[in-house]
Amino acid sequence: MSQVEGVFRRLGYVKADEVERANEAHAEISARVRQLEHDVQEARALNLRLAEITDVVSRTLLPADGRDDAELVKAIAAYDKGLGQP
């Protein structure tokens, strides 16, 4: 017995079609939540990549006498490391 069916039974609703519709809606909502969670993770990864490339570009555009080449190398390494990830 599903959670939805159990709630309907406790409330006195035992119509099979109502239970079936509720189970289908629950399954659809659960699938949608899983997809949204996946999409959020993907957006987070893309935002991280954007921040990394922005860091590389901003450090590259600094005048040579004012930039820290070691920090630029670290920023490029961080960007390169992430290239293998989707």
Protein backbone atom coordinates (compact mmCIF):
# COMPACT_ATOMS: atom_id res chain seq x y z
CA MET A 1 0.00 0.00 0.00
CA SER A 2 1.43 3.40 -0.98
CA GLN A 3 1.57 6.39 1.34
CA VAL A 4 -1.16 8.11 -0.63
CA GLU A 5 -3.40 5.06 -0.50
CA GLY A 6 -2.85 4.79 3.25
CA VAL A 7 -3.89 8.42 3.76
CA PHE A 8 -7.02 7.91 1.67
CA ARG A 9 -7.93 4.81 3.62
CA ARG A 10 -7.48 6.59 6.96
CA LEU A 11 -9.70 9.42 5.74
CA GLY A 12 -12.37 6.97 4.64
CA TYR A 13 -11.84 7.39 0.91
CA VAL A 14 -11.46 4.01 -0.65
CA LYS A 15 -12.41 4.71 -4.26
CA ALA A 16 -9.89 2.88 -6.38
CA ASP A 17 -9.83 5.49 -9.15
CA GLU A 18 -9.04 8.27 -6.68
CA VAL A 19 -6.25 6.25 -5.16
CA GLU A 20 -4.87 5.44 -8.60
CA ARG A 21 -4.93 9.08 -9.68
CA ALA A 22 -3.24 10.12 -6.46
CA ASN A 23 -0.56 7.45 -6.88
CA GLU A 24 0.08 8.59 -10.45
CA ALA A 25 0.28 12.23 -9.36
CA HIS A 26 2.69 11.28 -6.57
CA ALA A 27 4.88 9.36 -9.02
CA GLU A 28 4.86 12.28 -11.48
CA ILE A 29 5.76 14.79 -8.78
CA SER A 30 8.54 12.55 -7.47
CA ALA A 31 9.99 12.19 -10.97
CA ARG A 32 9.78 15.95 -11.51
CA VAL A 33 11.56 16.64 -8.21
CA ARG A 34 14.36 14.25 -9.18
CA GLN A 35 14.72 16.02 -12.55
CA LEU A 36 14.76 19.44 -10.88
CA GLU A 37 17.41 18.30 -8.40
CA HIS A 38 19.53 17.11 -11.33
CA ASP A 39 19.01 20.41 -13.13
CA VAL A 40 20.04 22.40 -10.04
CA GLN A 41 23.24 20.36 -9.72
CA GLU A 42 24.00 20.96 -13.39
CA ALA A 43 23.40 24.71 -12.98
CA ARG A 44 25.71 24.79 -9.95
CA ALA A 45 28.46 23.08 -11.93
CA LEU A 46 28.04 25.53 -14.80
CA ASN A 47 28.14 28.49 -12.42
CA LEU A 48 31.37 27.17 -10.92
CA ARG A 49 32.89 26.84 -14.40
CA LEU A 50 31.82 30.39 -15.23
CA ALA A 51 33.41 31.69 -12.03
CA GLU A 52 36.64 29.85 -12.84
CA ILE A 53 36.90 31.21 -16.38
CA THR A 54 36.00 34.71 -15.15
CA ASP A 55 38.85 34.45 -12.65
CA VAL A 56 41.29 33.37 -15.38
CA VAL A 57 40.21 36.18 -17.71
CA SER A 58 40.34 38.85 -15.02
CA ARG A 59 43.79 37.75 -13.89
CA THR A 60 45.02 37.63 -17.50
CA LEU A 61 43.81 41.16 -18.21
CA LEU A 62 45.73 42.68 -15.31
CA PRO A 63 48.85 44.58 -16.35
CA ALA A 64 51.92 42.33 -16.22
CA ASP A 65 53.64 44.40 -13.55
CA GLY A 66 50.58 44.31 -11.28
CA ARG A 67 49.55 40.70 -11.50
CA ASP A 68 50.69 37.74 -9.50
CA ASP A 69 51.75 35.11 -12.05
CA ALA A 70 51.60 32.37 -9.43
CA GLU A 71 47.93 33.19 -8.80
CA LEU A 72 47.28 33.23 -12.55
CA VAL A 73 48.86 29.78 -12.87
CA LYS A 74 46.65 28.52 -10.00
CA ALA A 75 43.53 29.95 -11.64
CA ILE A 76 44.38 28.33 -14.97
CA ALA A 77 45.10 25.02 -13.24
CA ALA A 78 41.71 25.16 -11.48
CA TYR A 79 40.02 25.85 -14.81
CA ASP A 80 41.94 23.07 -16.57
CA LYS A 81 41.08 20.62 -13.80
CA GLY A 82 37.39 21.25 -14.33
CA LEU A 83 37.51 20.73 -18.10
CA GLY A 84 37.16 16.98 -17.71
CA GLN A 85 33.92 17.34 -15.78
CA PRO A 86 30.50 17.68 -17.48
